[in-house]
Amino acid sequence: QTGGSLRLSCVASGAIFSINVMGWYRQAPGKQRELVAAISDGGST
C-alpha cells in the first residue's frame, strides 16, 4: 500500500570479477527504463 516499504535484493553469481557498479533500474508500463539508484565498489551512491 501507499506509504509502505519493500526491500529488494539481487544476488550475482557465476563469472564475477571486480564489479564496478551495482544498481537498480525500473520500467513502468509505457515508459522508458530509468535509473533508480546505483552504488560503486567504493560505496558512492
All heavy atoms as atom14 arrays in JSON, in Angstrom:
{
  "sequence": "QTGGSLRLSCVASGAIFSINVMGWYRQAPGKQRELVAAISDGGST",
  "atom14_mask": [
    [1, 1, 1, 1, 1, 1, 1, 1, 1, 0, 0, 0, 0, 0],
    [1, 1, 1, 1, 1, 1, 1, 0, 0, 0, 0, 0, 0, 0],
    [1, 1, 1, 1, 0, 0, 0, 0, 0, 0, 0, 0, 0, 0],
    [1, 1, 1, 1, 0, 0, 0, 0, 0, 0, 0, 0, 0, 0],
    [1, 1, 1, 1, 1, 1, 0, 0, 0, 0, 0, 0, 0, 0],
    [1, 1, 1, 1, 1, 1, 1, 1, 0, 0, 0, 0, 0, 0],
    [1, 1, 1, 1, 1, 1, 1, 1, 1, 1, 1, 0, 0, 0],
    [1, 1, 1, 1, 1, 1, 1, 1, 0, 0, 0, 0, 0, 0],
    [1, 1, 1, 1, 1, 1, 0, 0, 0, 0, 0, 0, 0, 0],
    [1, 1, 1, 1, 1, 1, 0, 0, 0, 0, 0, 0, 0, 0],
    [1, 1, 1, 1, 1, 1, 1, 0, 0, 0, 0, 0, 0, 0],
    [1, 1, 1, 1, 1, 0, 0, 0, 0, 0, 0, 0, 0, 0],
    [1, 1, 1, 1, 1, 1, 0, 0, 0, 0, 0, 0, 0, 0],
    [1, 1, 1, 1, 0, 0, 0, 0, 0, 0, 0, 0, 0, 0],
    [1, 1, 1, 1, 1, 0, 0, 0, 0, 0, 0, 0, 0, 0],
    [1, 1, 1, 1, 1, 1, 1, 1, 0, 0, 0, 0, 0, 0],
    [1, 1, 1, 1, 1, 1, 1, 1, 1, 1, 1, 0, 0, 0],
    [1, 1, 1, 1, 1, 1, 0, 0, 0, 0, 0, 0, 0, 0],
    [1, 1, 1, 1, 1, 1, 1, 1, 0, 0, 0, 0, 0, 0],
    [1, 1, 1, 1, 1, 1, 1, 1, 0, 0, 0, 0, 0, 0],
    [1, 1, 1, 1, 1, 1, 1, 0, 0, 0, 0, 0, 0, 0],
    [1, 1, 1, 1, 1, 1, 1, 1, 0, 0, 0, 0, 0, 0],
    [1, 1, 1, 1, 0, 0, 0, 0, 0, 0, 0, 0, 0, 0],
    [1, 1, 1, 1, 1, 1, 1, 1, 1, 1, 1, 1, 1, 1],
    [1, 1, 1, 1, 1, 1, 1, 1, 1, 1, 1, 1, 0, 0],
    [1, 1, 1, 1, 1, 1, 1, 1, 1, 1, 1, 0, 0, 0],
    [1, 1, 1, 1, 1, 1, 1, 1, 1, 0, 0, 0, 0, 0],
    [1, 1, 1, 1, 1, 0, 0, 0, 0, 0, 0, 0, 0, 0],
    [1, 1, 1, 1, 1, 1, 1, 0, 0, 0, 0, 0, 0, 0],
    [1, 1, 1, 1, 0, 0, 0, 0, 0, 0, 0, 0, 0, 0],
    [1, 1, 1, 1, 1, 1, 1, 1, 1, 0, 0, 0, 0, 0],
    [1, 1, 1, 1, 1, 1, 1, 1, 1, 0, 0, 0, 0, 0],
    [1, 1, 1, 1, 1, 1, 1, 1, 1, 1, 1, 0, 0, 0],
    [1, 1, 1, 1, 1, 1, 1, 1, 1, 0, 0, 0, 0, 0],
    [1, 1, 1, 1, 1, 1, 1, 1, 0, 0, 0, 0, 0, 0],
    [1, 1, 1, 1, 1, 1, 1, 0, 0, 0, 0, 0, 0, 0],
    [1, 1, 1, 1, 1, 0, 0, 0, 0, 0, 0, 0, 0, 0],
    [1, 1, 1, 1, 1, 0, 0, 0, 0, 0, 0, 0, 0, 0],
    [1, 1, 1, 1, 1, 1, 1, 1, 0, 0, 0, 0, 0, 0],
    [1, 1, 1, 1, 1, 1, 0, 0, 0, 0, 0, 0, 0, 0],
    [1, 1, 1, 1, 1, 1, 1, 1, 0, 0, 0, 0, 0, 0],
    [1, 1, 1, 1, 0, 0, 0, 0, 0, 0, 0, 0, 0, 0],
    [1, 1, 1, 1, 0, 0, 0, 0, 0, 0, 0, 0, 0, 0],
    [1, 1, 1, 1, 1, 1, 0, 0, 0, 0, 0, 0, 0, 0],
    [1, 1, 1, 1, 1, 1, 1, 0, 0, 0, 0, 0, 0, 0]
  ],
  "atom14_positions": [
    [[0.83, -1.2, 0.0], [0.0, 0.0, 0.0], [0.87, 1.26, 0.0], [2.05, 1.22, 0.39], [-0.91, 0.02, 1.21], [-2.0, -1.06, 1.18], [-2.96, -0.93, 2.35], [-2.62, -0.4, 3.4], [-4.19, -1.41, 2.15], [0.0, 0.0, 0.0], [0.0, 0.0, 0.0], [0.0, 0.0, 0.0], [0.0, 0.0, 0.0], [0.0, 0.0, 0.0]],
    [[0.28, 2.36, -0.42], [0.97, 3.65, -0.38], [1.49, 3.91, 1.03], [0.78, 3.72, 2.01], [0.02, 4.77, -0.8], [-0.37, 4.57, -2.16], [0.69, 6.12, -0.67], [0.0, 0.0, 0.0], [0.0, 0.0, 0.0], [0.0, 0.0, 0.0], [0.0, 0.0, 0.0], [0.0, 0.0, 0.0], [0.0, 0.0, 0.0], [0.0, 0.0, 0.0]],
    [[2.74, 4.33, 1.09], [3.39, 4.59, 2.37], [4.13, 3.4, 2.94], [4.86, 3.54, 3.93], [0.0, 0.0, 0.0], [0.0, 0.0, 0.0], [0.0, 0.0, 0.0], [0.0, 0.0, 0.0], [0.0, 0.0, 0.0], [0.0, 0.0, 0.0], [0.0, 0.0, 0.0], [0.0, 0.0, 0.0], [0.0, 0.0, 0.0], [0.0, 0.0, 0.0]],
    [[3.97, 2.26, 2.32], [4.62, 1.05, 2.81], [6.07, 0.94, 2.37], [6.62, 1.84, 1.72], [0.0, 0.0, 0.0], [0.0, 0.0, 0.0], [0.0, 0.0, 0.0], [0.0, 0.0, 0.0], [0.0, 0.0, 0.0], [0.0, 0.0, 0.0], [0.0, 0.0, 0.0], [0.0, 0.0, 0.0], [0.0, 0.0, 0.0], [0.0, 0.0, 0.0]],
    [[6.66, -0.19, 2.73], [8.08, -0.42, 2.44], [8.29, -1.79, 1.82], [7.53, -2.73, 2.09], [8.91, -0.33, 3.73], [8.83, 0.95, 4.31], [0.0, 0.0, 0.0], [0.0, 0.0, 0.0], [0.0, 0.0, 0.0], [0.0, 0.0, 0.0], [0.0, 0.0, 0.0], [0.0, 0.0, 0.0], [0.0, 0.0, 0.0], [0.0, 0.0, 0.0]],
    [[9.33, -1.88, 1.03], [9.79, -3.14, 0.48], [11.31, -3.1, 0.42], [11.91, -2.02, 0.3], [9.25, -3.38, -0.93], [7.8, -3.77, -1.11], [7.43, -3.8, -2.58], [7.51, -5.12, -0.47], [0.0, 0.0, 0.0], [0.0, 0.0, 0.0], [0.0, 0.0, 0.0], [0.0, 0.0, 0.0], [0.0, 0.0, 0.0], [0.0, 0.0, 0.0]],
    [[11.92, -4.28, 0.48], [13.37, -4.38, 0.33], [13.68, -5.36, -0.79], [13.33, -6.54, -0.7], [14.02, -4.86, 1.62], [15.55, -4.79, 1.58], [16.14, -5.47, 2.78], [17.55, -5.16, 2.96], [18.44, -6.0, 3.47], [18.05, -7.21, 3.87], [19.71, -5.64, 3.6], [0.0, 0.0, 0.0], [0.0, 0.0, 0.0], [0.0, 0.0, 0.0]],
    [[14.31, -4.86, -1.83], [14.73, -5.7, -2.94], [16.15, -6.19, -2.71], [16.99, -5.46, -2.17], [14.66, -4.93, -4.26], [13.33, -4.29, -4.62], [13.43, -3.64, -6.01], [12.2, -5.29, -4.58], [0.0, 0.0, 0.0], [0.0, 0.0, 0.0], [0.0, 0.0, 0.0], [0.0, 0.0, 0.0], [0.0, 0.0, 0.0], [0.0, 0.0, 0.0]],
    [[16.4, -7.41, -3.14], [17.74, -7.99, -3.08], [18.11, -8.54, -4.44], [17.24, -8.99, -5.2], [17.82, -9.11, -2.05], [17.5, -8.66, -0.76], [0.0, 0.0, 0.0], [0.0, 0.0, 0.0], [0.0, 0.0, 0.0], [0.0, 0.0, 0.0], [0.0, 0.0, 0.0], [0.0, 0.0, 0.0], [0.0, 0.0, 0.0], [0.0, 0.0, 0.0]],
    [[19.38, -8.53, -4.75], [19.87, -9.09, -6.0], [21.21, -9.75, -5.74], [22.15, -9.09, -5.28], [20.01, -8.0, -7.05], [20.79, -8.53, -8.59], [0.0, 0.0, 0.0], [0.0, 0.0, 0.0], [0.0, 0.0, 0.0], [0.0, 0.0, 0.0], [0.0, 0.0, 0.0], [0.0, 0.0, 0.0], [0.0, 0.0, 0.0], [0.0, 0.0, 0.0]],
    [[21.27, -11.04, -6.04], [22.49, -11.8, -5.84], [23.1, -12.13, -7.19], [22.41, -12.67, -8.07], [22.21, -13.1, -5.07], [23.52, -13.86, -4.86], [21.56, -12.8, -3.73], [0.0, 0.0, 0.0], [0.0, 0.0, 0.0], [0.0, 0.0, 0.0], [0.0, 0.0, 0.0], [0.0, 0.0, 0.0], [0.0, 0.0, 0.0], [0.0, 0.0, 0.0]],
    [[24.37, -11.81, -7.35], [25.09, -12.13, -8.57], [25.93, -13.38, -8.37], [26.54, -13.56, -7.32], [25.98, -10.96, -8.97], [0.0, 0.0, 0.0], [0.0, 0.0, 0.0], [0.0, 0.0, 0.0], [0.0, 0.0, 0.0], [0.0, 0.0, 0.0], [0.0, 0.0, 0.0], [0.0, 0.0, 0.0], [0.0, 0.0, 0.0], [0.0, 0.0, 0.0]],
    [[25.95, -14.24, -9.39], [26.75, -15.45, -9.31], [27.34, -15.74, -10.68], [26.92, -15.18, -11.7], [25.91, -16.62, -8.82], [24.86, -16.89, -9.73], [0.0, 0.0, 0.0], [0.0, 0.0, 0.0], [0.0, 0.0, 0.0], [0.0, 0.0, 0.0], [0.0, 0.0, 0.0], [0.0, 0.0, 0.0], [0.0, 0.0, 0.0], [0.0, 0.0, 0.0]],
    [[28.3, -16.67, -10.69], [28.94, -17.05, -11.94], [30.31, -16.42, -12.06], [31.04, -16.3, -11.08], [0.0, 0.0, 0.0], [0.0, 0.0, 0.0], [0.0, 0.0, 0.0], [0.0, 0.0, 0.0], [0.0, 0.0, 0.0], [0.0, 0.0, 0.0], [0.0, 0.0, 0.0], [0.0, 0.0, 0.0], [0.0, 0.0, 0.0], [0.0, 0.0, 0.0]],
    [[30.64, -15.98, -13.26], [31.96, -15.43, -13.55], [32.04, -13.98, -13.11], [32.01, -13.05, -13.93], [32.27, -15.57, -15.03], [0.0, 0.0, 0.0], [0.0, 0.0, 0.0], [0.0, 0.0, 0.0], [0.0, 0.0, 0.0], [0.0, 0.0, 0.0], [0.0, 0.0, 0.0], [0.0, 0.0, 0.0], [0.0, 0.0, 0.0], [0.0, 0.0, 0.0]],
    [[32.13, -13.8, -11.79], [32.14, -12.46, -11.21], [33.58, -12.03, -10.96], [34.3, -12.69, -10.22], [31.36, -12.44, -9.89], [29.93, -12.94, -10.08], [31.38, -11.03, -9.3], [29.09, -12.08, -10.98], [0.0, 0.0, 0.0], [0.0, 0.0, 0.0], [0.0, 0.0, 0.0], [0.0, 0.0, 0.0], [0.0, 0.0, 0.0], [0.0, 0.0, 0.0]],
    [[33.97, -10.93, -11.56], [35.3, -10.38, -11.37], [35.21, -8.88, -11.25], [34.7, -8.21, -12.14], [36.22, -10.74, -12.54], [36.33, -12.2, -12.82], [35.59, -12.78, -13.83], [37.16, -13.0, -12.06], [35.68, -14.13, -14.09], [37.26, -14.35, -12.31], [36.52, -14.93, -13.32], [0.0, 0.0, 0.0], [0.0, 0.0, 0.0], [0.0, 0.0, 0.0]],
    [[35.66, -8.34, -10.16], [35.81, -6.89, -9.98], [34.59, -6.11, -10.46], [34.64, -5.38, -11.45], [37.05, -6.4, -10.73], [38.2, -7.02, -10.23], [0.0, 0.0, 0.0], [0.0, 0.0, 0.0], [0.0, 0.0, 0.0], [0.0, 0.0, 0.0], [0.0, 0.0, 0.0], [0.0, 0.0, 0.0], [0.0, 0.0, 0.0], [0.0, 0.0, 0.0]],
    [[33.51, -6.26, -9.7], [32.3, -5.5, -10.02], [32.57, -4.01, -9.78], [33.05, -3.62, -8.73], [31.13, -5.96, -9.14], [30.82, -7.44, -9.41], [29.9, -5.11, -9.41], [29.78, -8.01, -8.45], [0.0, 0.0, 0.0], [0.0, 0.0, 0.0], [0.0, 0.0, 0.0], [0.0, 0.0, 0.0], [0.0, 0.0, 0.0], [0.0, 0.0, 0.0]],
    [[32.25, -3.21, -10.76], [32.42, -1.77, -10.63], [31.2, -1.13, -9.98], [31.27, -0.54, -8.91], [32.67, -1.13, -11.99], [33.96, -1.6, -12.62], [34.96, -1.78, -11.94], [33.94, -1.82, -13.91], [0.0, 0.0, 0.0], [0.0, 0.0, 0.0], [0.0, 0.0, 0.0], [0.0, 0.0, 0.0], [0.0, 0.0, 0.0], [0.0, 0.0, 0.0]],
    [[30.09, -1.26, -10.62], [28.85, -0.62, -10.16], [27.75, -1.67, -10.1], [27.66, -2.53, -10.97], [28.42, 0.52, -11.1], [27.1, 1.13, -10.65], [29.51, 1.6, -11.16], [0.0, 0.0, 0.0], [0.0, 0.0, 0.0], [0.0, 0.0, 0.0], [0.0, 0.0, 0.0], [0.0, 0.0, 0.0], [0.0, 0.0, 0.0], [0.0, 0.0, 0.0]],
    [[26.94, -1.58, -9.08], [25.71, -2.37, -8.99], [24.57, -1.38, -8.79], [24.76, -0.3, -8.2], [25.75, -3.36, -7.83], [26.86, -4.38, -7.94], [26.75, -5.66, -6.66], [25.47, -6.72, -7.35], [0.0, 0.0, 0.0], [0.0, 0.0, 0.0], [0.0, 0.0, 0.0], [0.0, 0.0, 0.0], [0.0, 0.0, 0.0], [0.0, 0.0, 0.0]],
    [[23.41, -1.76, -9.27], [22.31, -0.82, -9.12], [20.98, -1.37, -9.56], [20.85, -2.57, -9.83], [0.0, 0.0, 0.0], [0.0, 0.0, 0.0], [0.0, 0.0, 0.0], [0.0, 0.0, 0.0], [0.0, 0.0, 0.0], [0.0, 0.0, 0.0], [0.0, 0.0, 0.0], [0.0, 0.0, 0.0], [0.0, 0.0, 0.0], [0.0, 0.0, 0.0]],
    [[20.03, -0.46, -9.6], [18.65, -0.81, -9.94], [18.1, 0.19, -10.96], [18.28, 1.41, -10.81], [17.77, -0.78, -8.69], [18.16, -1.79, -7.67], [19.06, -1.64, -6.65], [17.65, -3.13, -7.56], [19.15, -2.79, -5.92], [18.29, -3.72, -6.45], [16.72, -3.87, -8.27], [18.03, -5.03, -6.05], [16.46, -5.16, -7.87], [17.11, -5.74, -6.78]],
    [[17.43, -0.35, -11.95], [16.63, 0.41, -12.89], [15.18, -0.01, -12.69], [14.9, -1.05, -12.08], [17.05, 0.14, -14.32], [18.23, 0.94, -14.81], [19.51, 0.66, -14.35], [18.08, 1.95, -15.74], [20.61, 1.38, -14.79], [19.17, 2.68, -16.21], [20.43, 2.38, -15.72], [21.51, 3.1, -16.17], [0.0, 0.0, 0.0], [0.0, 0.0, 0.0]],
    [[14.26, 0.76, -13.22], [12.87, 0.36, -13.23], [12.22, 0.79, -14.54], [12.65, 1.73, -15.18], [12.11, 0.93, -12.03], [11.93, 2.44, -12.05], [11.28, 2.92, -10.76], [11.09, 4.36, -10.73], [10.67, 5.05, -9.67], [10.4, 4.41, -8.53], [10.53, 6.36, -9.74], [0.0, 0.0, 0.0], [0.0, 0.0, 0.0], [0.0, 0.0, 0.0]],
    [[11.16, 0.07, -14.86], [10.41, 0.38, -16.07], [8.92, 0.21, -15.79], [8.47, -0.89, -15.46], [10.83, -0.51, -17.24], [10.21, -0.1, -18.56], [10.88, -0.77, -19.74], [11.57, -1.77, -19.62], [10.7, -0.19, -20.92], [0.0, 0.0, 0.0], [0.0, 0.0, 0.0], [0.0, 0.0, 0.0], [0.0, 0.0, 0.0], [0.0, 0.0, 0.0]],
    [[8.21, 1.31, -15.91], [6.76, 1.3, -15.75], [6.13, 1.1, -17.12], [6.73, 1.39, -18.15], [6.3, 2.62, -15.14], [0.0, 0.0, 0.0], [0.0, 0.0, 0.0], [0.0, 0.0, 0.0], [0.0, 0.0, 0.0], [0.0, 0.0, 0.0], [0.0, 0.0, 0.0], [0.0, 0.0, 0.0], [0.0, 0.0, 0.0], [0.0, 0.0, 0.0]],
    [[4.88, 0.63, -17.15], [4.2, 0.4, -18.43], [4.17, 1.66, -19.28], [3.8, 2.74, -18.8], [2.79, -0.02, -18.0], [2.97, -0.61, -16.65], [4.06, 0.19, -16.0], [0.0, 0.0, 0.0], [0.0, 0.0, 0.0], [0.0, 0.0, 0.0], [0.0, 0.0, 0.0], [0.0, 0.0, 0.0], [0.0, 0.0, 0.0], [0.0, 0.0, 0.0]],
    [[4.59, 1.53, -20.53], [4.56, 2.66, -21.45], [5.66, 3.67, -21.26], [5.67, 4.71, -21.93], [0.0, 0.0, 0.0], [0.0, 0.0, 0.0], [0.0, 0.0, 0.0], [0.0, 0.0, 0.0], [0.0, 0.0, 0.0], [0.0, 0.0, 0.0], [0.0, 0.0, 0.0], [0.0, 0.0, 0.0], [0.0, 0.0, 0.0], [0.0, 0.0, 0.0]],
    [[6.6, 3.39, -20.37], [7.69, 4.33, -20.09], [9.03, 3.68, -20.35], [9.16, 2.47, -20.4], [7.62, 4.84, -18.65], [6.38, 5.66, -18.35], [6.46, 6.29, -16.98], [5.25, 7.18, -16.7], [5.34, 7.8, -15.36], [0.0, 0.0, 0.0], [0.0, 0.0, 0.0], [0.0, 0.0, 0.0], [0.0, 0.0, 0.0], [0.0, 0.0, 0.0]],
    [[10.05, 4.52, -20.51], [11.4, 4.02, -20.69], [11.98, 3.53, -19.37], [11.59, 3.99, -18.29], [12.28, 5.12, -21.29], [11.98, 5.45, -22.73], [13.0, 6.41, -23.33], [13.55, 7.24, -22.63], [13.26, 6.27, -24.62], [0.0, 0.0, 0.0], [0.0, 0.0, 0.0], [0.0, 0.0, 0.0], [0.0, 0.0, 0.0], [0.0, 0.0, 0.0]],
    [[12.94, 2.63, -19.49], [13.65, 2.18, -18.3], [14.48, 3.34, -17.75], [15.12, 4.07, -18.51], [14.55, 1.0, -18.65], [15.15, 0.29, -17.45], [15.9, -0.96, -17.87], [15.03, -1.98, -18.44], [15.41, -3.23, -18.68], [16.64, -3.61, -18.39], [14.58, -4.08, -19.22], [0.0, 0.0, 0.0], [0.0, 0.0, 0.0], [0.0, 0.0, 0.0]],
    [[14.43, 3.52, -16.44], [15.15, 4.63, -15.82], [15.98, 4.15, -14.64], [15.61, 3.19, -13.96], [14.16, 5.7, -15.33], [13.2, 5.24, -14.25], [12.34, 6.37, -13.68], [12.53, 7.53, -14.08], [11.48, 6.08, -12.82], [0.0, 0.0, 0.0], [0.0, 0.0, 0.0], [0.0, 0.0, 0.0], [0.0, 0.0, 0.0], [0.0, 0.0, 0.0]],
    [[17.07, 4.85, -14.42], [17.92, 4.54, -13.28], [17.21, 4.94, -11.99], [16.69, 6.04, -11.88], [19.24, 5.29, -13.38], [20.18, 5.15, -12.19], [20.71, 3.73, -12.07], [21.33, 6.15, -12.29], [0.0, 0.0, 0.0], [0.0, 0.0, 0.0], [0.0, 0.0, 0.0], [0.0, 0.0, 0.0], [0.0, 0.0, 0.0], [0.0, 0.0, 0.0]],
    [[17.22, 4.03, -11.03], [16.67, 4.31, -9.7], [17.81, 4.68, -8.75], [17.79, 5.72, -8.1], [15.89, 3.12, -9.15], [15.4, 3.41, -7.74], [14.74, 2.76, -10.07], [0.0, 0.0, 0.0], [0.0, 0.0, 0.0], [0.0, 0.0, 0.0], [0.0, 0.0, 0.0], [0.0, 0.0, 0.0], [0.0, 0.0, 0.0], [0.0, 0.0, 0.0]],
    [[18.79, 3.79, -8.66], [19.92, 4.01, -7.75], [21.08, 3.14, -8.17], [20.89, 2.06, -8.74], [19.53, 3.69, -6.31], [0.0, 0.0, 0.0], [0.0, 0.0, 0.0], [0.0, 0.0, 0.0], [0.0, 0.0, 0.0], [0.0, 0.0, 0.0], [0.0, 0.0, 0.0], [0.0, 0.0, 0.0], [0.0, 0.0, 0.0], [0.0, 0.0, 0.0]],
    [[22.28, 3.61, -7.87], [23.49, 2.86, -8.18], [24.51, 3.07, -7.08], [24.49, 4.09, -6.39], [24.07, 3.3, -9.52], [0.0, 0.0, 0.0], [0.0, 0.0, 0.0], [0.0, 0.0, 0.0], [0.0, 0.0, 0.0], [0.0, 0.0, 0.0], [0.0, 0.0, 0.0], [0.0, 0.0, 0.0], [0.0, 0.0, 0.0], [0.0, 0.0, 0.0]],
    [[25.4, 2.08, -6.92], [26.43, 2.16, -5.9], [27.73, 1.6, -6.47], [27.74, 0.54, -7.09], [26.0, 1.42, -4.62], [27.05, 1.59, -3.52], [25.67, -0.04, -4.88], [26.54, 1.16, -2.14], [0.0, 0.0, 0.0], [0.0, 0.0, 0.0], [0.0, 0.0, 0.0], [0.0, 0.0, 0.0], [0.0, 0.0, 0.0], [0.0, 0.0, 0.0]],
    [[28.8, 2.34, -6.27], [30.09, 1.93, -6.8], [30.76, 0.94, -5.85], [30.31, 0.72, -4.72], [30.99, 3.15, -6.97], [31.38, 3.64, -5.69], [0.0, 0.0, 0.0], [0.0, 0.0, 0.0], [0.0, 0.0, 0.0], [0.0, 0.0, 0.0], [0.0, 0.0, 0.0], [0.0, 0.0, 0.0], [0.0, 0.0, 0.0], [0.0, 0.0, 0.0]],
    [[31.86, 0.37, -6.3], [32.58, -0.58, -5.44], [33.15, 0.13, -4.22], [33.38, -0.51, -3.19], [33.69, -1.28, -6.23], [34.65, -0.31, -6.88], [34.38, 0.9, -6.88], [35.68, -0.77, -7.4], [0.0, 0.0, 0.0], [0.0, 0.0, 0.0], [0.0, 0.0, 0.0], [0.0, 0.0, 0.0], [0.0, 0.0, 0.0], [0.0, 0.0, 0.0]],
    [[33.31, 1.44, -4.3], [33.8, 2.2, -3.16], [32.72, 2.71, -2.25], [33.0, 3.32, -1.21], [0.0, 0.0, 0.0], [0.0, 0.0, 0.0], [0.0, 0.0, 0.0], [0.0, 0.0, 0.0], [0.0, 0.0, 0.0], [0.0, 0.0, 0.0], [0.0, 0.0, 0.0], [0.0, 0.0, 0.0], [0.0, 0.0, 0.0], [0.0, 0.0, 0.0]],
    [[31.47, 2.48, -2.62], [30.35, 2.88, -1.78], [29.69, 4.19, -2.16], [28.73, 4.62, -1.5], [0.0, 0.0, 0.0], [0.0, 0.0, 0.0], [0.0, 0.0, 0.0], [0.0, 0.0, 0.0], [0.0, 0.0, 0.0], [0.0, 0.0, 0.0], [0.0, 0.0, 0.0], [0.0, 0.0, 0.0], [0.0, 0.0, 0.0], [0.0, 0.0, 0.0]],
    [[30.16, 4.83, -3.21], [29.5, 6.06, -3.66], [28.14, 5.72, -4.26], [28.01, 4.73, -4.98], [30.35, 6.77, -4.7], [31.58, 7.17, -4.15], [0.0, 0.0, 0.0], [0.0, 0.0, 0.0], [0.0, 0.0, 0.0], [0.0, 0.0, 0.0], [0.0, 0.0, 0.0], [0.0, 0.0, 0.0], [0.0, 0.0, 0.0], [0.0, 0.0, 0.0]],
    [[27.15, 6.55, -3.95], [25.79, 6.27, -4.39], [25.25, 7.39, -5.28], [25.69, 8.53, -5.21], [24.85, 6.08, -3.2], [24.88, 7.27, -2.39], [25.26, 4.89, -2.36], [0.0, 0.0, 0.0], [0.0, 0.0, 0.0], [0.0, 0.0, 0.0], [0.0, 0.0, 0.0], [0.0, 0.0, 0.0], [0.0, 0.0, 0.0], [0.0, 0.0, 0.0]]
  ]
}
